[in-house]
Protein backbone atom coordinates (compact mmCIF):
# COMPACT_ATOMS: atom_id res chain seq x y z
CA MET A 1 -14.99 -6.02 -34.36
CA THR A 2 -16.42 -3.50 -31.98
CA GLY A 3 -20.17 -3.07 -32.24
CA TRP A 4 -20.73 -6.37 -34.09
CA GLU A 5 -21.71 -9.80 -32.76
CA VAL A 6 -21.17 -13.26 -34.20
CA VAL A 7 -24.52 -14.95 -34.83
CA PHE A 8 -23.31 -17.93 -36.86
CA GLU A 9 -20.15 -20.01 -37.29
CA GLY A 10 -19.88 -22.78 -39.84
CA PRO A 11 -18.87 -23.70 -43.38
CA GLN A 12 -18.67 -20.91 -45.94
CA PHE A 13 -21.61 -22.22 -47.97
CA ALA A 14 -23.85 -22.22 -44.89
CA ALA A 15 -22.63 -18.75 -43.88
CA ASP A 16 -23.62 -17.51 -47.33
CA VAL A 17 -27.16 -18.84 -46.83
CA VAL A 18 -27.40 -17.28 -43.36
CA GLN A 19 -26.13 -13.94 -44.62
CA ALA A 20 -28.64 -13.94 -47.49
CA SER A 21 -31.49 -14.81 -45.10
CA LEU A 22 -30.53 -12.00 -42.74
CA GLU A 23 -30.20 -9.46 -45.53
CA ALA A 24 -33.59 -10.52 -46.94
CA ALA A 25 -35.04 -9.70 -43.51
CA GLY A 26 -33.42 -6.26 -43.58
CA ILE A 27 -30.59 -7.08 -41.17
CA HIS A 28 -27.08 -5.91 -42.01
CA ALA A 29 -24.76 -8.92 -42.13
CA LEU A 30 -21.07 -9.44 -42.78
CA THR A 31 -19.38 -12.79 -43.45
CA VAL A 32 -15.79 -13.19 -42.32
CA GLY A 33 -13.83 -16.11 -43.78
CA SER A 34 -13.27 -17.32 -47.30
CA ASP A 35 -12.84 -20.33 -49.51
CA THR A 36 -9.35 -21.73 -49.92
CA ALA A 37 -7.71 -24.30 -52.14
CA TYR A 38 -9.48 -26.87 -49.93
CA GLY A 39 -12.91 -25.72 -51.09
CA PRO A 40 -15.89 -24.16 -49.32
CA ILE A 41 -15.39 -26.04 -46.04
CA VAL A 42 -13.56 -23.25 -44.28
CA GLN A 43 -15.15 -22.06 -41.06
CA SER A 44 -16.73 -18.66 -41.53
CA ARG A 45 -18.53 -16.31 -39.18
CA VAL A 46 -21.55 -14.13 -39.82
CA LEU A 47 -21.58 -10.89 -37.86
CA VAL A 48 -24.37 -8.35 -37.36
CA PRO A 49 -24.55 -5.01 -35.56
CA GLU A 50 -25.16 -5.46 -31.82
CA GLU A 51 -28.58 -3.81 -32.00
CA GLU A 52 -29.73 -6.37 -34.61
CA ALA A 53 -28.24 -9.46 -32.92
CA ALA A 54 -31.38 -10.69 -31.14
CA ALA A 55 -33.49 -10.56 -34.31
CA ALA A 56 -30.64 -12.15 -36.29
CA ARG A 57 -30.33 -15.07 -33.85
CA THR A 58 -34.05 -15.76 -34.22
CA ILE A 59 -33.70 -15.89 -38.00
CA VAL A 60 -30.59 -18.09 -37.78
CA ALA A 61 -32.47 -20.51 -35.53
CA GLU A 62 -35.35 -20.64 -38.01
CA THR A 63 -32.97 -21.10 -40.96
CA GLY A 64 -31.50 -24.05 -39.06
């Protein structure tokens, strides 16, 4: 996606936590990926607008 950067890759449940943390900090976040019949272990990515990527990476690192 043009203008967006991936700041997290991991299981869907973790991506949901990251997205919620970013949104709570006022950062726009989008999760790409979804659960399947195999459950919430599918790899998902959290993307943010390029101009918010540095701040988002700091929050992701703190969320750990």
